Amino acid sequence: PQLKLVRLKDSDGDGISDEAESTVFKTHPNMSDTDGDGVSDGLEILVNGTDPLNWQPAVSITSPAQGGQFAYGKAIPFTVDVQADGNNPVITSVAFFDGETLLGTDTTAPYEITIMPGGGAHFLKAIATDSNGIRGTSDIRRIDVANPPPAVDLLRWNITENTIAVGSGIATPALTGVSGSVLTGGGSQGTSGSPTNTWNRQFTATADFNAAQNAGNFFSFTTSASSGFSVRIYGIAGLSLSRTSTGPASAGLFYSKDGGITFTQTGSLFNVGTGSASAATAFASTMSNTPILMGEGTTIRWSLVVFGEAGRLGIGKVTGSDFTLMGASIPNHYAAWASANGITGQAAPADFDKDGIANLVEYALGLDPTASSGSPGTVSGGILSFSKGTAASANGDVDYQIEQSADLAGWVPVTPTVNDENTISYTLPSGDTRKFVRLRITQIP
């Protein structure tokens, strides 16, 4: 007999037959480097002993910029770019982190969430996962958020034992720029004897939010920010709850910014007992890191929703303290500047003098909103520079961000060369590649 040698087909020339690639190693028979890592499949399998399918997604944070500084309570876009091509697996999800704390996930491009971190330093990263379960991690990006202003009383409700009145407690504004409604109760009339020292209502048995809303198992009130003010709520004090021996066993505080169509829970549910206990800590547990914002002229509807068996639940005081919402009422400095500069009532996005520069930009850069200002920035020695307006810089209600683009479509924040109380500047990139640079001005609510 004769020995016959058969040369197996190797279409991509990586030293592994097409049949072995397709059936054994699951690599691509027409691609010498299936995972695109710069090392051929044959070298990885036959020599290095590494995984020829171990392609890691390339993840980069595009926003916020490294070293970015933000006002407390500011909503910040957290955006990442994942580099992949048709030869690589599909990206299935991107997870966003502050340190080791998961902030959220996104499963579709563009990959982005909005964050509102608390005061202090934050170290952001993103992890992308592909359809093979392989993960890629971005570099860590540090941002700093200003500490919140001291929490002071915004509104107080003087709750008294009263089982007949529709409402209990008149909202007394503690600060200019905020107002609130009477605290009203759903259900039906309670009794003066139980729970003691509370304004209580009789509720039916319900197990979930929708059922409780439909049954009227809630106490409710509204808060409003006056014209010329924005309001940040990040604390609750002086609110105690108690129930009868059979009655609602838990309660949660929810708020709506669209007139009651959708609600968001703040904090966690509070387990209600037969003895009076403060629910403020549970309800306010998320407010310090995620304050509730009211833009000027807006109203929030609140529902303190109760769940559990049928019975009475009452609202009372904590050691004599009124039910109080805490936070800050912040005057709209732009409105005051507009009035002082002869454009009273003009909206920030408008352009009173028709010079192509919005009123807000004129405020941010210290320009005259009633006369054509010309080019607001300068370029000298390859540095683009803008002078900040004295009032806007001192008030801290404007965010200045330099952005760069290659096509005027996708804009990416970049780190300024200088960003102090007087100036923001950026050293323009050198080379033949065309780049566009702009200054984005954002009003901080």
Protein backbone atom coordinates (compact mmCIF):
# COMPACT_ATOMS: atom_id res chain seq x y z
CA PRO A 1 0.00 0.00 0.00
CA GLN A 2 1.05 3.59 -0.67
CA LEU A 3 0.94 6.39 1.92
CA LYS A 4 -1.14 9.24 0.59
CA LEU A 5 -0.75 12.73 2.07
CA VAL A 6 -3.80 15.00 2.00
CA ARG A 7 -3.33 18.72 2.45
CA LEU A 8 -6.32 20.16 4.29
CA LYS A 9 -7.69 23.44 3.02
CA ASP A 10 -6.55 26.51 4.98
CA SER A 11 -8.21 29.48 3.29
CA ASP A 12 -6.81 32.19 5.58
CA GLY A 13 -3.29 30.73 5.88
CA ASP A 14 -3.21 30.78 9.69
CA GLY A 15 -1.96 27.18 9.99
CA ILE A 16 -5.33 25.70 11.00
CA SER A 17 -7.59 23.94 8.53
CA ASP A 18 -10.95 25.40 7.60
CA GLU A 19 -12.67 22.31 9.00
CA ALA A 20 -10.91 22.59 12.37
CA GLU A 21 -11.65 26.31 12.57
CA SER A 22 -15.35 25.78 11.87
CA THR A 23 -15.99 22.66 13.96
CA VAL A 24 -13.40 22.63 16.73
CA PHE A 25 -12.13 26.12 17.51
CA LYS A 26 -15.16 28.14 16.26
CA THR A 27 -12.85 30.66 14.64
CA HIS A 28 -13.46 32.15 11.19
CA PRO A 29 -11.92 30.06 8.37
CA ASN A 30 -11.50 33.13 6.16
CA MET A 31 -10.03 35.42 8.85
CA SER A 32 -6.54 34.74 10.13
CA ASP A 33 -7.19 36.86 13.28
CA THR A 34 -10.81 36.27 14.29
CA ASP A 35 -10.80 38.39 17.44
CA GLY A 36 -8.85 41.26 15.84
CA ASP A 37 -6.26 41.39 18.62
CA GLY A 38 -3.25 41.47 16.26
CA VAL A 39 -2.26 37.82 16.87
CA SER A 40 -3.24 35.14 14.32
CA ASP A 41 -5.58 32.32 15.28
CA GLY A 42 -2.87 29.74 14.57
CA LEU A 43 -0.33 31.46 16.79
CA GLU A 44 -2.84 31.83 19.62
CA ILE A 45 -3.98 28.18 19.46
CA LEU A 46 -0.82 26.31 18.49
CA VAL A 47 1.92 28.40 20.15
CA ASN A 48 0.64 30.83 22.77
CA GLY A 49 -2.24 28.77 24.12
CA THR A 50 -4.42 31.90 24.31
CA ASP A 51 -8.09 32.33 23.40
CA PRO A 52 -8.50 33.26 19.70
CA LEU A 53 -12.00 34.60 20.45
CA ASN A 54 -11.01 36.83 23.34
CA TRP A 55 -11.77 40.18 21.72
CA GLN A 56 -12.39 42.86 24.31
CA PRO A 57 -14.65 45.79 23.45
CA ALA A 58 -12.72 49.07 23.38
CA VAL A 59 -14.61 51.44 25.69
CA SER A 60 -13.95 55.16 26.10
CA ILE A 61 -15.84 57.78 28.07
CA THR A 62 -16.79 60.76 25.91
CA SER A 63 -18.65 62.75 28.60
CA PRO A 64 -18.09 64.15 31.17
CA ALA A 65 -14.58 65.45 30.60
CA GLN A 66 -11.68 64.40 32.82
CA GLY A 67 -11.44 66.74 35.80
CA GLY A 68 -14.88 68.26 35.17
CA GLN A 69 -16.31 70.38 37.97
CA PHE A 70 -20.06 70.57 38.47
CA ALA A 71 -22.55 72.35 40.70
CA TYR A 72 -24.43 70.23 43.21
CA GLY A 73 -27.72 68.92 41.86
CA LYS A 74 -26.69 69.24 38.21
CA ALA A 75 -27.86 66.55 35.79
CA ILE A 76 -24.73 65.25 34.01
CA PRO A 77 -24.75 63.17 30.79
CA PHE A 78 -22.53 60.08 31.20
CA THR A 79 -21.76 58.91 27.65
CA VAL A 80 -19.39 56.24 26.31
CA ASP A 81 -18.21 55.11 22.91
CA VAL A 82 -17.64 51.40 22.17
CA GLN A 83 -15.37 50.63 19.22
CA ALA A 84 -16.43 47.51 17.32
CA ASP A 85 -16.71 46.38 13.70
CA GLY A 86 -18.67 43.83 11.73
CA ASN A 87 -16.06 41.12 12.40
CA ASN A 88 -16.53 41.35 16.17
CA PRO A 89 -19.36 40.18 18.42
CA VAL A 90 -22.36 42.39 19.07
CA ILE A 91 -22.31 44.70 22.10
CA THR A 92 -25.15 43.59 24.37
CA SER A 93 -24.89 46.09 27.23
CA VAL A 94 -22.84 48.89 28.76
CA ALA A 95 -22.77 49.29 32.55
CA PHE A 96 -21.94 52.66 34.12
CA PHE A 97 -20.16 52.87 37.49
CA ASP A 98 -19.12 55.42 40.10
CA GLY A 99 -16.26 53.54 41.72
CA GLU A 100 -17.77 50.09 42.28
CA THR A 101 -21.35 51.37 42.51
CA LEU A 102 -23.51 50.55 39.50
CA LEU A 103 -25.31 53.69 38.29
CA GLY A 104 -27.25 52.16 35.40
CA THR A 105 -27.03 50.23 32.14
CA ASP A 106 -27.83 50.89 28.49
CA THR A 107 -28.31 48.22 25.83
CA THR A 108 -28.54 50.35 22.69
CA ALA A 109 -26.22 52.88 21.09
CA PRO A 110 -25.59 55.69 21.74
CA TYR A 111 -24.71 54.42 25.21
CA GLU A 112 -25.65 57.08 27.74
CA ILE A 113 -27.29 57.65 31.11
CA THR A 114 -27.87 60.84 33.10
CA ILE A 115 -26.41 61.02 36.59
CA MET A 116 -26.78 63.49 39.45
CA PRO A 117 -23.98 62.62 41.90
CA GLY A 118 -23.62 64.02 45.39
CA GLY A 119 -20.96 66.42 46.53
CA GLY A 120 -17.31 65.35 46.39
CA ALA A 121 -15.00 63.42 44.06
CA HIS A 122 -16.42 60.72 41.78
CA PHE A 123 -14.50 58.13 39.76
CA LEU A 124 -16.47 57.05 36.71
CA LYS A 125 -15.93 54.00 34.52
CA ALA A 126 -17.91 51.94 32.03
CA ILE A 127 -17.86 48.22 31.23
CA ALA A 128 -19.14 46.92 27.87
CA THR A 129 -20.18 43.28 27.40
CA ASP A 130 -20.43 41.52 24.03
CA SER A 131 -22.52 38.57 22.87
CA ASN A 132 -19.71 36.15 23.82
CA GLY A 133 -19.70 37.45 27.37
CA ILE A 134 -16.36 39.22 26.88
CA ARG A 135 -16.01 42.53 28.73
CA GLY A 136 -14.03 45.67 28.05
CA THR A 137 -13.45 48.41 30.62
CA SER A 138 -12.84 52.12 30.09
CA ASP A 139 -10.23 54.21 31.82
CA ILE A 140 -11.34 55.85 35.06
CA ARG A 141 -12.47 59.45 34.76
CA ARG A 142 -12.61 61.76 37.79
CA ILE A 143 -15.14 64.54 38.23
CA ASP A 144 -15.80 66.78 41.22
CA VAL A 145 -19.20 67.97 42.41
CA ALA A 146 -19.60 70.94 44.74
CA ASN A 147 -20.97 70.18 48.17
CA PRO A 148 -24.66 70.98 48.63
CA PRO A 149 -25.64 74.22 50.32
CA PRO A 150 -26.76 73.76 53.92
CA ALA A 151 -30.23 72.21 54.11
CA VAL A 152 -32.70 74.70 55.52
CA ASP A 153 -36.45 74.57 55.98
CA LEU A 154 -38.41 75.15 52.76
CA LEU A 155 -41.99 74.38 53.83
CA ARG A 156 -43.64 73.37 57.10
CA TRP A 157 -47.00 71.69 57.76
CA ASN A 158 -48.41 72.22 61.26
CA ILE A 159 -50.21 68.89 61.67
CA THR A 160 -52.79 68.68 64.44
CA GLU A 161 -55.12 65.88 65.55
CA ASN A 162 -58.19 66.50 63.40
CA THR A 163 -60.46 63.77 62.06
CA ILE A 164 -63.12 65.98 60.49
CA ALA A 165 -61.35 68.51 58.29
CA VAL A 166 -60.57 67.53 54.70
CA GLY A 167 -57.09 68.95 55.08
CA SER A 168 -54.64 69.12 57.94
CA GLY A 169 -51.72 71.47 58.15
CA ILE A 170 -51.23 74.66 56.18
CA ALA A 171 -47.99 74.84 54.22
CA THR A 172 -45.98 77.74 55.63
CA PRO A 173 -43.13 78.91 53.37
CA ALA A 174 -39.89 79.18 55.31
CA LEU A 175 -38.03 80.59 52.31
CA THR A 176 -38.88 83.02 49.54
CA GLY A 177 -39.51 81.36 46.19
CA VAL A 178 -41.39 78.24 47.28
CA SER A 179 -45.02 77.51 48.21
CA GLY A 180 -47.12 74.47 49.07
CA SER A 181 -50.72 73.31 49.42
CA VAL A 182 -52.74 72.05 52.34
CA LEU A 183 -51.97 68.45 53.28
CA THR A 184 -55.06 66.40 52.38
CA GLY A 185 -56.03 62.81 53.14
CA GLY A 186 -57.73 60.13 51.10
CA GLY A 187 -59.74 57.24 52.46
CA SER A 188 -62.49 58.15 54.87
CA GLN A 189 -62.81 59.94 58.20
CA GLY A 190 -60.77 58.46 61.04
CA THR A 191 -61.30 58.79 64.79
CA SER A 192 -59.87 61.05 67.43
CA GLY A 193 -58.72 58.21 69.67
CA SER A 194 -56.52 56.01 67.52
CA PRO A 195 -53.74 56.24 66.55
CA THR A 196 -53.16 58.79 69.30
CA ASN A 197 -51.78 62.27 68.67
CA THR A 198 -52.20 61.98 64.92
CA TRP A 199 -54.38 63.21 62.11
CA ASN A 200 -55.62 59.85 60.85
CA ARG A 201 -57.73 58.43 58.04
CA GLN A 202 -59.43 55.07 57.45
CA PHE A 203 -58.02 53.15 54.48
CA THR A 204 -58.99 49.98 52.63
CA ALA A 205 -56.68 46.99 52.05
CA THR A 206 -54.33 47.35 49.06
CA ALA A 207 -51.05 45.71 48.08
CA ASP A 208 -49.52 47.83 45.31
CA PHE A 209 -49.14 51.42 44.16
CA ASN A 210 -51.80 51.42 41.44
CA ALA A 211 -54.40 49.81 43.67
CA ALA A 212 -53.60 52.26 46.47
CA GLN A 213 -53.88 55.24 44.10
CA ASN A 214 -57.22 54.01 42.75
CA ALA A 215 -58.56 53.42 46.27
CA GLY A 216 -57.43 56.83 47.51
CA ASN A 217 -55.04 55.27 50.02
CA PHE A 218 -52.77 58.26 50.32
CA PHE A 219 -52.14 61.66 51.84
CA SER A 220 -51.29 64.31 49.25
CA PHE A 221 -49.94 67.83 48.82
CA THR A 222 -48.19 69.97 46.21
CA THR A 223 -45.09 72.14 46.18
CA SER A 224 -44.30 74.92 43.70
CA ALA A 225 -41.31 77.05 42.75
CA SER A 226 -42.14 80.69 42.19
CA SER A 227 -41.23 82.61 39.08
CA GLY A 228 -37.58 83.68 39.29
CA PHE A 229 -36.58 80.79 41.60
CA SER A 230 -35.57 77.15 41.28
CA VAL A 231 -35.87 74.82 44.24
CA ARG A 232 -33.85 71.78 45.31
CA ILE A 233 -35.34 69.40 47.89
CA TYR A 234 -32.93 67.10 49.70
CA GLY A 235 -34.29 66.51 53.19
CA ILE A 236 -37.35 65.69 55.29
CA ALA A 237 -37.88 66.19 59.02
CA GLY A 238 -40.61 65.96 61.63
CA LEU A 239 -42.86 63.32 60.04
CA SER A 240 -44.09 60.41 62.15
CA LEU A 241 -46.51 57.65 61.17
CA SER A 242 -48.48 55.12 63.21
CA ARG A 243 -51.38 52.73 62.61
CA THR A 244 -54.06 50.84 64.43
CA SER A 245 -53.47 47.19 65.39
CA THR A 246 -54.87 46.17 62.02
CA GLY A 247 -54.05 48.67 59.35
CA PRO A 248 -51.55 49.73 56.66
CA ALA A 249 -48.18 48.20 57.50
CA SER A 250 -46.03 50.27 55.14
CA ALA A 251 -45.94 53.65 53.42
CA GLY A 252 -43.92 55.27 50.65
CA LEU A 253 -43.43 58.82 49.44
CA PHE A 254 -43.86 59.39 45.70
CA TYR A 255 -43.74 62.54 43.55
CA SER A 256 -44.94 63.49 40.08
CA LYS A 257 -43.67 66.30 37.83
CA ASP A 258 -46.35 65.79 35.17
CA GLY A 259 -49.52 66.39 37.14
CA GLY A 260 -49.93 62.86 38.48
CA ILE A 261 -49.46 60.87 35.26
CA THR A 262 -46.21 59.22 36.35
CA PHE A 263 -44.75 58.94 39.86
CA THR A 264 -41.23 58.36 41.18
CA GLN A 265 -40.50 56.99 44.64
CA THR A 266 -38.05 58.85 46.83
CA GLY A 267 -36.15 56.88 49.42
CA SER A 268 -37.49 53.55 50.63
CA LEU A 269 -40.72 52.18 52.08
CA PHE A 270 -41.28 52.76 55.80
CA ASN A 271 -42.59 49.96 58.00
CA VAL A 272 -45.43 51.46 60.04
CA GLY A 273 -46.00 50.23 63.59
CA THR A 274 -48.63 50.87 66.23
CA GLY A 275 -46.27 53.23 68.00
CA SER A 276 -45.38 56.61 66.52
CA ALA A 277 -42.03 56.62 64.68
CA SER A 278 -40.30 58.96 62.25
CA ALA A 279 -40.50 58.05 58.56
CA ALA A 280 -38.29 60.97 57.50
CA THR A 281 -35.03 58.99 57.31
CA ALA A 282 -36.53 56.29 55.06
CA PHE A 283 -38.27 58.74 52.74
CA ALA A 284 -35.24 61.05 52.45
CA SER A 285 -32.59 58.32 52.07
CA THR A 286 -31.95 59.10 48.37
CA MET A 287 -32.46 62.86 48.47
CA SER A 288 -28.97 63.83 49.63
CA ASN A 289 -27.36 62.25 46.55
CA THR A 290 -30.28 62.83 44.19
CA PRO A 291 -32.07 66.06 45.12
CA ILE A 292 -35.53 66.64 43.71
CA LEU A 293 -35.45 69.67 41.43
CA MET A 294 -38.22 72.16 40.71
CA GLY A 295 -37.59 74.60 37.89
CA GLU A 296 -39.03 78.08 38.22
CA GLY A 297 -42.79 78.21 37.89
CA THR A 298 -43.21 74.42 38.12
CA THR A 299 -45.26 72.30 40.54
CA ILE A 300 -44.71 68.83 42.01
CA ARG A 301 -47.56 66.65 43.23
CA TRP A 302 -46.75 64.40 46.19
CA SER A 303 -48.46 61.20 47.41
CA LEU A 304 -47.70 59.53 50.71
CA VAL A 305 -49.13 56.13 49.73
CA VAL A 306 -50.09 53.46 52.30
CA PHE A 307 -50.18 49.68 51.76
CA GLY A 308 -51.48 46.71 53.74
CA GLU A 309 -54.57 45.72 55.67
CA ALA A 310 -57.65 47.86 56.09
CA GLY A 311 -57.45 50.21 59.05
CA ARG A 312 -56.39 53.69 60.15
CA LEU A 313 -53.03 55.34 59.60
CA GLY A 314 -52.11 58.69 61.10
CA ILE A 315 -49.58 61.45 60.53
CA GLY A 316 -48.09 63.18 63.54
CA LYS A 317 -45.16 65.27 64.69
CA VAL A 318 -41.74 64.12 65.86
CA THR A 319 -40.98 65.57 69.32
CA GLY A 320 -43.14 68.57 68.50
CA SER A 321 -41.46 69.31 65.14
CA ASP A 322 -43.65 70.07 62.14
CA PHE A 323 -43.53 67.96 58.99
CA THR A 324 -40.85 69.84 57.01
CA LEU A 325 -39.30 69.67 53.56
CA MET A 326 -35.70 70.89 53.53
CA GLY A 327 -33.44 72.14 50.77
CA ALA A 328 -32.59 75.37 49.00
CA SER A 329 -34.50 78.06 47.14
CA ILE A 330 -32.21 79.54 44.50
CA PRO A 331 -32.90 82.87 42.83
CA ASN A 332 -32.63 83.03 39.05
CA HIS A 333 -29.64 85.31 38.70
CA TYR A 334 -30.08 85.44 34.94
CA ALA A 335 -33.51 87.07 35.39
CA ALA A 336 -32.00 89.70 37.68
CA TRP A 337 -29.19 90.36 35.18
CA ALA A 338 -31.69 90.64 32.32
CA SER A 339 -33.71 93.21 34.27
CA ALA A 340 -30.59 95.20 35.18
CA ASN A 341 -29.45 95.20 31.53
CA GLY A 342 -32.68 96.40 29.94
CA ILE A 343 -34.14 93.10 28.71
CA THR A 344 -36.59 92.35 31.53
CA GLY A 345 -38.61 89.20 30.91
CA GLN A 346 -36.50 88.04 27.95
CA ALA A 347 -35.96 84.27 27.94
CA ALA A 348 -32.41 82.95 28.18
CA PRO A 349 -32.44 81.23 24.73
CA ALA A 350 -33.76 84.38 22.99
CA ASP A 351 -31.55 86.90 21.18
CA PHE A 352 -32.80 90.38 22.08
CA ASP A 353 -30.27 92.37 20.00
CA LYS A 354 -30.34 89.94 17.03
CA ASP A 355 -26.56 89.60 16.94
CA GLY A 356 -26.61 85.78 16.73
CA ILE A 357 -25.60 85.38 20.37
CA ALA A 358 -28.28 84.10 22.78
CA ASN A 359 -29.09 86.15 25.86
CA LEU A 360 -27.75 83.36 28.11
CA VAL A 361 -24.39 83.41 26.31
CA GLU A 362 -24.21 87.19 26.66
CA TYR A 363 -24.86 86.76 30.40
CA ALA A 364 -22.25 83.99 30.69
CA LEU A 365 -19.58 86.01 28.85
CA GLY A 366 -20.40 89.45 30.27
CA LEU A 367 -21.58 90.97 26.97
CA ASP A 368 -24.13 93.72 26.31
CA PRO A 369 -27.47 92.07 25.42
CA THR A 370 -28.83 95.27 23.84
CA ALA A 371 -26.05 95.85 21.26
CA SER A 372 -24.29 93.70 18.71
CA SER A 373 -21.29 92.12 20.42
CA GLY A 374 -19.31 90.66 17.53
CA SER A 375 -17.22 87.54 18.06
CA PRO A 376 -17.32 86.58 21.74
CA GLY A 377 -13.99 84.68 21.78
CA THR A 378 -10.40 85.18 20.65
CA VAL A 379 -7.76 82.95 19.04
CA SER A 380 -4.12 83.74 19.66
CA GLY A 381 -1.08 81.50 19.47
CA GLY A 382 -3.25 78.46 18.81
CA ILE A 383 -5.35 79.06 21.94
CA LEU A 384 -9.11 79.68 21.84
CA SER A 385 -10.12 81.81 24.82
CA PHE A 386 -13.33 83.23 26.30
CA SER A 387 -13.68 85.71 29.17
CA LYS A 388 -16.39 84.82 31.68
CA GLY A 389 -18.98 87.36 32.79
CA THR A 390 -18.36 88.62 36.31
CA ALA A 391 -21.97 88.11 37.46
CA ALA A 392 -22.37 84.64 35.95
CA SER A 393 -19.03 83.44 37.30
CA ALA A 394 -19.80 84.73 40.79
CA ASN A 395 -23.33 83.30 40.79
CA GLY A 396 -22.19 79.85 39.67
CA ASP A 397 -25.37 79.21 37.70
CA VAL A 398 -23.75 78.64 34.30
CA ASP A 399 -21.73 75.63 33.09
CA TYR A 400 -18.95 76.32 30.57
CA GLN A 401 -17.84 73.37 28.39
CA ILE A 402 -15.41 73.27 25.43
CA GLU A 403 -16.44 70.67 22.84
CA GLN A 404 -14.69 69.31 19.74
CA SER A 405 -15.98 67.67 16.54
CA ALA A 406 -14.57 66.26 13.31
CA ASP A 407 -17.79 66.66 11.30
CA LEU A 408 -20.03 69.22 13.09
CA ALA A 409 -22.39 66.34 13.95
CA GLY A 410 -20.88 64.47 16.89
CA TRP A 411 -19.49 66.73 19.63
CA VAL A 412 -17.20 65.48 22.40
CA PRO A 413 -16.29 67.43 25.57
CA VAL A 414 -12.57 68.14 25.98
CA THR A 415 -10.54 69.26 28.98
CA PRO A 416 -9.94 73.04 28.92
CA THR A 417 -6.39 74.37 29.16
CA VAL A 418 -7.61 76.99 31.65
CA ASN A 419 -10.96 77.05 33.44
CA ASP A 420 -11.02 79.49 36.34
CA GLU A 421 -13.35 82.22 37.57
CA ASN A 422 -12.23 84.62 34.82
CA THR A 423 -11.39 82.57 31.72
CA ILE A 424 -11.99 79.32 29.89
CA SER A 425 -9.51 78.45 27.13
CA TYR A 426 -8.41 75.49 25.02
CA THR A 427 -5.22 74.80 23.10
CA LEU A 428 -6.30 73.89 19.57
CA PRO A 429 -5.06 70.51 18.25
CA SER A 430 -2.23 70.62 15.73
CA GLY A 431 -1.82 68.53 12.58
CA ASP A 432 -3.57 68.17 9.24
CA THR A 433 -6.82 66.64 10.55
CA ARG A 434 -9.65 69.15 10.46
CA LYS A 435 -11.30 69.82 13.82
CA PHE A 436 -14.15 72.08 14.94
CA VAL A 437 -14.26 73.56 18.44
CA ARG A 438 -17.10 75.33 20.23
CA LEU A 439 -18.07 76.65 23.66
CA ARG A 440 -21.30 75.24 25.08
CA ILE A 441 -23.10 77.33 27.71
CA THR A 442 -25.67 75.60 29.93
CA GLN A 443 -27.84 77.22 32.58
CA ILE A 444 -27.70 75.27 35.84
CA PRO A 445 -31.19 74.80 37.29
